[in-house]
Amino acid sequence: MTIRLKRKEKGLSQNRLAEMLGVERKWVLRLEAGNPKAELGLVLKTLNALSLRASLNDDRPLSREASTSRLDEVFRRLQRPVRK
């Protein structure tokens, strides 16, 4: 949701953002819909293009199962507005 809102705020179409990122419009559409399998490098490139920031915190060692659920949470947070 945040990515869609920021894209619109900047007056960019999905096609234009896709061109900027070197991806197809479908990729932007899926990312805006919350695709949990989006390539991290492209997600970071998208955030940079839209002047958005994300942060990761690793407070404790995680088991493999906990690591997977934490990654899901990271992607959910990427969709939320950044609070200052």
PDB file of N, CA and C in Angstrom:
ATOM      1  N   MET A   1       0.816  -1.184   0.000  1.00  0.00           N
ATOM      2  CA  MET A   1       0.000   0.000   0.000  1.00  0.00           C
ATOM      3  C   MET A   1       0.866   1.257   0.000  1.00  0.00           C
ATOM      4  N   THR A   2       1.904   1.282   0.809  1.00  0.00           N
ATOM      5  CA  THR A   2       2.778   2.441   0.887  1.00  0.00           C
ATOM      6  C   THR A   2       3.442   2.712  -0.454  1.00  0.00           C
ATOM      7  N   ILE A   3       3.897   1.666  -1.113  1.00  0.00           N
ATOM      8  CA  ILE A   3       4.567   1.841  -2.398  1.00  0.00           C
ATOM      9  C   ILE A   3       3.597   2.433  -3.414  1.00  0.00           C
ATOM     10  N   ARG A   4       2.384   1.933  -3.457  1.00  0.00           N
ATOM     11  CA  ARG A   4       1.379   2.469  -4.387  1.00  0.00           C
ATOM     12  C   ARG A   4       1.101   3.943  -4.092  1.00  0.00           C
ATOM     13  N   LEU A   5       0.890   4.261  -2.823  1.00  0.00           N
ATOM     14  CA  LEU A   5       0.597   5.646  -2.447  1.00  0.00           C
ATOM     15  C   LEU A   5       1.754   6.582  -2.789  1.00  0.00           C
ATOM     16  N   LYS A   6       2.972   6.163  -2.500  1.00  0.00           N
ATOM     17  CA  LYS A   6       4.139   7.003  -2.785  1.00  0.00           C
ATOM     18  C   LYS A   6       4.322   7.169  -4.293  1.00  0.00           C
ATOM     19  N   ARG A   7       4.094   6.097  -5.049  1.00  0.00           N
ATOM     20  CA  ARG A   7       4.203   6.173  -6.511  1.00  0.00           C
ATOM     21  C   ARG A   7       3.220   7.208  -7.051  1.00  0.00           C
ATOM     22  N   LYS A   8       1.982   7.141  -6.569  1.00  0.00           N
ATOM     23  CA  LYS A   8       0.968   8.085  -7.014  1.00  0.00           C
ATOM     24  C   LYS A   8       1.299   9.506  -6.570  1.00  0.00           C
ATOM     25  N   GLU A   9       1.808   9.642  -5.346  1.00  0.00           N
ATOM     26  CA  GLU A   9       2.201  10.956  -4.833  1.00  0.00           C
ATOM     27  C   GLU A   9       3.258  11.592  -5.731  1.00  0.00           C
ATOM     28  N   LYS A  10       4.150  10.770  -6.275  1.00  0.00           N
ATOM     29  CA  LYS A  10       5.198  11.270  -7.152  1.00  0.00           C
ATOM     30  C   LYS A  10       4.722  11.417  -8.592  1.00  0.00           C
ATOM     31  N   GLY A  11       3.447  11.085  -8.839  1.00  0.00           N
ATOM     32  CA  GLY A  11       2.889  11.234 -10.190  1.00  0.00           C
ATOM     33  C   GLY A  11       3.410  10.217 -11.188  1.00  0.00           C
ATOM     34  N   LEU A  12       3.817   9.049 -10.700  1.00  0.00           N
ATOM     35  CA  LEU A  12       4.342   8.001 -11.573  1.00  0.00           C
ATOM     36  C   LEU A  12       3.279   6.962 -11.871  1.00  0.00           C
ATOM     37  N   SER A  13       3.194   6.542 -13.112  1.00  0.00           N
ATOM     38  CA  SER A  13       2.331   5.416 -13.458  1.00  0.00           C
ATOM     39  C   SER A  13       3.077   4.125 -13.138  1.00  0.00           C
ATOM     40  N   GLN A  14       2.356   3.020 -13.100  1.00  0.00           N
ATOM     41  CA  GLN A  14       3.025   1.736 -12.895  1.00  0.00           C
ATOM     42  C   GLN A  14       3.989   1.471 -14.042  1.00  0.00           C
ATOM     43  N   ASN A  15       3.591   1.851 -15.254  1.00  0.00           N
ATOM     44  CA  ASN A  15       4.474   1.661 -16.408  1.00  0.00           C
ATOM     45  C   ASN A  15       5.765   2.450 -16.256  1.00  0.00           C
ATOM     46  N   ARG A  16       5.673   3.702 -15.838  1.00  0.00           N
ATOM     47  CA  ARG A  16       6.860   4.547 -15.695  1.00  0.00           C
ATOM     48  C   ARG A  16       7.786   4.019 -14.602  1.00  0.00           C
ATOM     49  N   LEU A  17       7.212   3.617 -13.456  1.00  0.00           N
ATOM     50  CA  LEU A  17       8.039   3.049 -12.389  1.00  0.00           C
ATOM     51  C   LEU A  17       8.717   1.769 -12.873  1.00  0.00           C
ATOM     52  N   ALA A  18       7.981   0.945 -13.582  1.00  0.00           N
ATOM     53  CA  ALA A  18       8.555  -0.291 -14.128  1.00  0.00           C
ATOM     54  C   ALA A  18       9.730   0.023 -15.051  1.00  0.00           C
ATOM     55  N   GLU A  19       9.581   1.043 -15.901  1.00  0.00           N
ATOM     56  CA  GLU A  19      10.676   1.444 -16.786  1.00  0.00           C
ATOM     57  C   GLU A  19      11.892   1.882 -15.981  1.00  0.00           C
ATOM     58  N   MET A  20      11.658   2.657 -14.938  1.00  0.00           N
ATOM     59  CA  MET A  20      12.754   3.139 -14.088  1.00  0.00           C
ATOM     60  C   MET A  20      13.509   1.983 -13.436  1.00  0.00           C
ATOM     61  N   LEU A  21      12.767   0.919 -13.105  1.00  0.00           N
ATOM     62  CA  LEU A  21      13.345  -0.224 -12.401  1.00  0.00           C
ATOM     63  C   LEU A  21      13.889  -1.286 -13.351  1.00  0.00           C
ATOM     64  N   GLY A  22      13.515  -1.203 -14.621  1.00  0.00           N
ATOM     65  CA  GLY A  22      13.930  -2.218 -15.585  1.00  0.00           C
ATOM     66  C   GLY A  22      13.160  -3.510 -15.443  1.00  0.00           C
ATOM     67  N   VAL A  23      11.896  -3.398 -15.056  1.00  0.00           N
ATOM     68  CA  VAL A  23      11.041  -4.577 -14.884  1.00  0.00           C
ATOM     69  C   VAL A  23       9.754  -4.387 -15.697  1.00  0.00           C
ATOM     70  N   GLU A  24       8.949  -5.423 -15.744  1.00  0.00           N
ATOM     71  CA  GLU A  24       7.649  -5.319 -16.400  1.00  0.00           C
ATOM     72  C   GLU A  24       6.637  -4.693 -15.440  1.00  0.00           C
ATOM     73  N   ARG A  25       5.596  -4.107 -15.997  1.00  0.00           N
ATOM     74  CA  ARG A  25       4.539  -3.497 -15.197  1.00  0.00           C
ATOM     75  C   ARG A  25       3.925  -4.520 -14.236  1.00  0.00           C
ATOM     76  N   LYS A  26       3.845  -5.776 -14.668  1.00  0.00           N
ATOM     77  CA  LYS A  26       3.280  -6.835 -13.820  1.00  0.00           C
ATOM     78  C   LYS A  26       4.034  -6.955 -12.505  1.00  0.00           C
ATOM     79  N   TRP A  27       5.361  -6.745 -12.557  1.00  0.00           N
ATOM     80  CA  TRP A  27       6.165  -6.852 -11.345  1.00  0.00           C
ATOM     81  C   TRP A  27       5.756  -5.764 -10.352  1.00  0.00           C
ATOM     82  N   VAL A  28       5.579  -4.533 -10.835  1.00  0.00           N
ATOM     83  CA  VAL A  28       5.141  -3.423  -9.984  1.00  0.00           C
ATOM     84  C   VAL A  28       3.753  -3.711  -9.429  1.00  0.00           C
ATOM     85  N   LEU A  29       2.871  -4.198 -10.269  1.00  0.00           N
ATOM     86  CA  LEU A  29       1.508  -4.535  -9.844  1.00  0.00           C
ATOM     87  C   LEU A  29       1.539  -5.558  -8.712  1.00  0.00           C
ATOM     88  N   ARG A  30       2.342  -6.611  -8.874  1.00  0.00           N
ATOM     89  CA  ARG A  30       2.440  -7.642  -7.829  1.00  0.00           C
ATOM     90  C   ARG A  30       3.056  -7.093  -6.549  1.00  0.00           C
ATOM     91  N   LEU A  31       4.080  -6.249  -6.682  1.00  0.00           N
ATOM     92  CA  LEU A  31       4.712  -5.661  -5.499  1.00  0.00           C
ATOM     93  C   LEU A  31       3.702  -4.814  -4.731  1.00  0.00           C
ATOM     94  N   GLU A  32       2.961  -4.004  -5.425  1.00  0.00           N
ATOM     95  CA  GLU A  32       1.961  -3.160  -4.778  1.00  0.00           C
ATOM     96  C   GLU A  32       0.859  -3.990  -4.119  1.00  0.00           C
ATOM     97  N   ALA A  33       0.644  -5.194  -4.632  1.00  0.00           N
ATOM     98  CA  ALA A  33      -0.353  -6.091  -4.053  1.00  0.00           C
ATOM     99  C   ALA A  33       0.202  -6.872  -2.865  1.00  0.00           C
ATOM    100  N   GLY A  34       1.515  -6.693  -2.571  1.00  0.00           N
ATOM    101  CA  GLY A  34       2.099  -7.340  -1.398  1.00  0.00           C
ATOM    102  C   GLY A  34       2.807  -8.645  -1.681  1.00  0.00           C
ATOM    103  N   ASN A  35       3.331  -8.832  -2.882  1.00  0.00           N
ATOM    104  CA  ASN A  35       4.031 -10.061  -3.236  1.00  0.00           C
ATOM    105  C   ASN A  35       5.160 -10.360  -2.239  1.00  0.00           C
ATOM    106  N   PRO A  36       5.024 -11.417  -1.431  1.00  0.00           N
ATOM    107  CA  PRO A  36       6.051 -11.735  -0.437  1.00  0.00           C
ATOM    108  C   PRO A  36       7.301 -12.358  -1.046  1.00  0.00           C
ATOM    109  N   LYS A  37       7.264 -12.690  -2.344  1.00  0.00           N
ATOM    110  CA  LYS A  37       8.406 -13.334  -2.990  1.00  0.00           C
ATOM    111  C   LYS A  37       9.156 -12.384  -3.921  1.00  0.00           C
ATOM    112  N   ALA A  38       8.893 -11.097  -3.807  1.00  0.00           N
ATOM    113  CA  ALA A  38       9.577 -10.116  -4.658  1.00  0.00           C
ATOM    114  C   ALA A  38      11.065 -10.128  -4.350  1.00  0.00           C
ATOM    115  N   GLU A  39      11.867 -10.012  -5.399  1.00  0.00           N
ATOM    116  CA  GLU A  39      13.317 -10.012  -5.243  1.00  0.00           C
ATOM    117  C   GLU A  39      13.760  -8.812  -4.406  1.00  0.00           C
ATOM    118  N   LEU A  40      14.505  -9.074  -3.359  1.00  0.00           N
ATOM    119  CA  LEU A  40      14.887  -8.037  -2.408  1.00  0.00           C
ATOM    120  C   LEU A  40      15.640  -6.883  -3.078  1.00  0.00           C
ATOM    121  N   GLY A  41      16.542  -7.198  -3.976  1.00  0.00           N
ATOM    122  CA  GLY A  41      17.297  -6.148  -4.659  1.00  0.00           C
ATOM    123  C   GLY A  41      16.384  -5.187  -5.401  1.00  0.00           C
ATOM    124  N   LEU A  42      15.368  -5.723  -6.054  1.00  0.00           N
ATOM    125  CA  LEU A  42      14.421  -4.873  -6.775  1.00  0.00           C
ATOM    126  C   LEU A  42      13.521  -4.109  -5.817  1.00  0.00           C
ATOM    127  N   VAL A  43      13.175  -4.724  -4.707  1.00  0.00           N
ATOM    128  CA  VAL A  43      12.376  -4.017  -3.691  1.00  0.00           C
ATOM    129  C   VAL A  43      13.167  -2.820  -3.175  1.00  0.00           C
ATOM    130  N   LEU A  44      14.441  -3.028  -2.868  1.00  0.00           N
ATOM    131  CA  LEU A  44      15.274  -1.933  -2.383  1.00  0.00           C
ATOM    132  C   LEU A  44      15.445  -0.851  -3.441  1.00  0.00           C
ATOM    133  N   LYS A  45      15.595  -1.255  -4.694  1.00  0.00           N
ATOM    134  CA  LYS A  45      15.694  -0.289  -5.795  1.00  0.00           C
ATOM    135  C   LYS A  45      14.404   0.519  -5.906  1.00  0.00           C
ATOM    136  N   THR A  46      13.271  -0.147  -5.705  1.00  0.00           N
ATOM    137  CA  THR A  46      11.970   0.530  -5.739  1.00  0.00           C
ATOM    138  C   THR A  46      11.871   1.549  -4.616  1.00  0.00           C
ATOM    139  N   LEU A  47      12.241   1.126  -3.410  1.00  0.00           N
ATOM    140  CA  LEU A  47      12.191   2.041  -2.272  1.00  0.00           C
ATOM    141  C   LEU A  47      13.065   3.269  -2.522  1.00  0.00           C
ATOM    142  N   ASN A  48      14.234   3.054  -3.078  1.00  0.00           N
ATOM    143  CA  ASN A  48      15.133   4.159  -3.383  1.00  0.00           C
ATOM    144  C   ASN A  48      14.514   5.095  -4.425  1.00  0.00           C
ATOM    145  N   ALA A  49      13.925   4.530  -5.471  1.00  0.00           N
ATOM    146  CA  ALA A  49      13.307   5.341  -6.527  1.00  0.00           C
ATOM    147  C   ALA A  49      12.158   6.188  -5.987  1.00  0.00           C
ATOM    148  N   LEU A  50      11.503   5.694  -4.941  1.00  0.00           N
ATOM    149  CA  LEU A  50      10.361   6.405  -4.366  1.00  0.00           C
ATOM    150  C   LEU A  50      10.731   7.198  -3.112  1.00  0.00           C
ATOM    151  N   SER A  51      12.017   7.255  -2.807  1.00  0.00           N
ATOM    152  CA  SER A  51      12.518   7.971  -1.618  1.00  0.00           C
ATOM    153  C   SER A  51      11.911   7.427  -0.328  1.00  0.00           C
ATOM    154  N   LEU A  52      11.781   6.106  -0.252  1.00  0.00           N
ATOM    155  CA  LEU A  52      11.286   5.433   0.951  1.00  0.00           C
ATOM    156  C   LEU A  52      12.453   4.740   1.635  1.00  0.00           C
ATOM    157  N   ARG A  53      12.321   4.519   2.951  1.00  0.00           N
ATOM    158  CA  ARG A  53      13.347   3.814   3.721  1.00  0.00           C
ATOM    159  C   ARG A  53      12.734   2.602   4.400  1.00  0.00           C
ATOM    160  N   ALA A  54      13.547   1.597   4.586  1.00  0.00           N
ATOM    161  CA  ALA A  54      13.153   0.421   5.362  1.00  0.00           C
ATOM    162  C   ALA A  54      14.299   0.095   6.296  1.00  0.00           C
ATOM    163  N   SER A  55      13.999  -0.512   7.424  1.00  0.00           N
ATOM    164  CA  SER A  55      15.059  -0.906   8.341  1.00  0.00           C
ATOM    165  C   SER A  55      14.812  -2.322   8.824  1.00  0.00           C
ATOM    166  N   LEU A  56      15.906  -3.001   9.134  1.00  0.00           N
ATOM    167  CA  LEU A  56      15.854  -4.365   9.651  1.00  0.00           C
ATOM    168  C   LEU A  56      16.550  -4.379  11.003  1.00  0.00           C
ATOM    169  N   ASN A  57      15.985  -5.113  11.939  1.00  0.00           N
ATOM    170  CA  ASN A  57      16.585  -5.267  13.260  1.00  0.00           C
ATOM    171  C   ASN A  57      16.742  -6.747  13.561  1.00  0.00           C
ATOM    172  N   ASP A  58      17.886  -7.135  14.034  1.00  0.00           N
ATOM    173  CA  ASP A  58      18.125  -8.518  14.422  1.00  0.00           C
ATOM    174  C   ASP A  58      18.474  -8.520  15.900  1.00  0.00           C
ATOM    175  N   ASP A  59      17.464  -8.706  16.739  1.00  0.00           N
ATOM    176  CA  ASP A  59      17.635  -8.626  18.182  1.00  0.00           C
ATOM    177  C   ASP A  59      18.179  -9.906  18.801  1.00  0.00           C
ATOM    178  N   ARG A  60      17.945 -11.033  18.138  1.00  0.00           N
ATOM    179  CA  ARG A  60      18.347 -12.305  18.726  1.00  0.00           C
ATOM    180  C   ARG A  60      18.541 -13.342  17.635  1.00  0.00           C
ATOM    181  N   PRO A  61      19.319 -14.389  17.917  1.00  0.00           N
ATOM    182  CA  PRO A  61      19.467 -15.471  16.935  1.00  0.00           C
ATOM    183  C   PRO A  61      18.110 -16.137  16.700  1.00  0.00           C
ATOM    184  N   LEU A  62      17.878 -16.547  15.473  1.00  0.00           N
ATOM    185  CA  LEU A  62      16.594 -17.136  15.124  1.00  0.00           C
ATOM    186  C   LEU A  62      16.759 -18.551  14.593  1.00  0.00           C
ATOM    187  N   SER A  63      15.753 -19.371  14.868  1.00  0.00           N
ATOM    188  CA  SER A  63      15.709 -20.679  14.233  1.00  0.00           C
ATOM    189  C   SER A  63      15.286 -20.474  12.779  1.00  0.00           C
ATOM    190  N   ARG A  64      15.411 -21.478  11.965  1.00  0.00           N
ATOM    191  CA  ARG A  64      15.030 -21.362  10.546  1.00  0.00           C
ATOM    192  C   ARG A  64      13.552 -20.997  10.405  1.00  0.00           C
ATOM    193  N   GLU A  65      12.675 -21.613  11.199  1.00  0.00           N
ATOM    194  CA  GLU A  65      11.235 -21.336  11.130  1.00  0.00           C
ATOM    195  C   GLU A  65      10.944 -19.895  11.547  1.00  0.00           C
ATOM    196  N   ALA A  66      11.575 -19.437  12.601  1.00  0.00           N
ATOM    197  CA  ALA A  66      11.361 -18.065  13.070  1.00  0.00           C
ATOM    198  C   ALA A  66      11.902 -17.072  12.053  1.00  0.00           C
ATOM    199  N   SER A  67      13.009 -17.430  11.409  1.00  0.00           N
ATOM    200  CA  SER A  67      13.598 -16.555  10.402  1.00  0.00           C
ATOM    201  C   SER A  67      12.633 -16.330   9.247  1.00  0.00           C
ATOM    202  N   THR A  68      11.964 -17.385   8.805  1.00  0.00           N
ATOM    203  CA  THR A  68      11.003 -17.266   7.711  1.00  0.00           C
ATOM    204  C   THR A  68       9.860 -16.349   8.098  1.00  0.00           C
ATOM    205  N   SER A  69       9.313 -16.496   9.296  1.00  0.00           N
ATOM    206  CA  SER A  69       8.198 -15.645   9.701  1.00  0.00           C
ATOM    207  C   SER A  69       8.667 -14.204   9.891  1.00  0.00           C
ATOM    208  N   ARG A  70       9.908 -13.996  10.339  1.00  0.00           N
ATOM    209  CA  ARG A  70      10.437 -12.632  10.481  1.00  0.00           C
ATOM    210  C   ARG A  70      10.588 -11.976   9.114  1.00  0.00           C
ATOM    211  N   LEU A  71      11.017 -12.744   8.095  1.00  0.00           N
ATOM    212  CA  LEU A  71      11.110 -12.190   6.748  1.00  0.00           C
ATOM    213  C   LEU A  71       9.741 -11.782   6.231  1.00  0.00           C
ATOM    214  N   ASP A  72       8.723 -12.585   6.510  1.00  0.00           N
ATOM    215  CA  ASP A  72       7.363 -12.222   6.120  1.00  0.00           C
ATOM    216  C   ASP A  72       6.971 -10.903   6.769  1.00  0.00           C
ATOM    217  N   GLU A  73       7.344 -10.717   8.026  1.00  0.00           N
ATOM    218  CA  GLU A  73       7.035  -9.478   8.741  1.00  0.00           C
ATOM    219  C   GLU A  73       7.768  -8.285   8.116  1.00  0.00           C
ATOM    220  N   VAL A  74       9.013  -8.502   7.701  1.00  0.00           N
ATOM    221  CA  VAL A  74       9.777  -7.434   7.053  1.00  0.00           C
ATOM    222  C   VAL A  74       9.046  -6.959   5.801  1.00  0.00           C
ATOM    223  N   PHE A  75       8.588  -7.892   4.976  1.00  0.00           N
ATOM    224  CA  PHE A  75       7.883  -7.503   3.759  1.00  0.00           C
ATOM    225  C   PHE A  75       6.577  -6.800   4.072  1.00  0.00           C
ATOM    226  N   ARG A  76       5.885  -7.218   5.136  1.00  0.00           N
ATOM    227  CA  ARG A  76       4.661  -6.508   5.536  1.00  0.00           C
ATOM    228  C   ARG A  76       5.001  -5.080   5.952  1.00  0.00           C
ATOM    229  N   ARG A  77       6.100  -4.916   6.673  1.00  0.00           N
ATOM    230  CA  ARG A  77       6.503  -3.577   7.120  1.00  0.00           C
ATOM    231  C   ARG A  77       6.897  -2.687   5.947  1.00  0.00           C
ATOM    232  N   LEU A  78       7.449  -3.274   4.887  1.00  0.00           N
ATOM    233  CA  LEU A  78       7.816  -2.496   3.710  1.00  0.00           C
ATOM    234  C   LEU A  78       6.588  -1.855   3.066  1.00  0.00           C
ATOM    235  N   GLN A  79       5.439  -2.443   3.305  1.00  0.00           N
ATOM    236  CA  GLN A  79       4.209  -1.920   2.731  1.00  0.00           C
ATOM    237  C   GLN A  79       3.580  -0.832   3.579  1.00  0.00           C
ATOM    238  N   ARG A  80       4.082  -0.639   4.802  1.00  0.00           N
ATOM    239  CA  ARG A  80       3.515   0.363   5.714  1.00  0.00           C
ATOM    240  C   ARG A  80       4.229   1.699   5.578  1.00  0.00           C
ATOM    241  N   PRO A  81       3.536   2.786   5.901  1.00  0.00           N
ATOM    242  CA  PRO A  81       4.191   4.097   5.869  1.00  0.00           C
ATOM    243  C   PRO A  81       5.306   4.181   6.911  1.00  0.00           C
ATOM    244  N   VAL A  82       6.352   4.900   6.581  1.00  0.00           N
ATOM    245  CA  VAL A  82       7.467   5.128   7.504  1.00  0.00           C
ATOM    246  C   VAL A  82       7.062   6.266   8.434  1.00  0.00           C
ATOM    247  N   ARG A  83       7.118   6.013   9.740  1.00  0.00           N
ATOM    248  CA  ARG A  83       6.781   7.056  10.722  1.00  0.00           C
ATOM    249  C   ARG A  83       8.045   7.766  11.144  1.00  0.00           C
ATOM    250  N   LYS A  84       7.945   9.066  11.283  1.00  0.00           N
ATOM    251  CA  LYS A  84       9.110   9.852  11.702  1.00  0.00           C
ATOM    252  C   LYS A  84       9.016  10.207  13.146  1.00  0.00           C
TER     253      LYS A  84
END
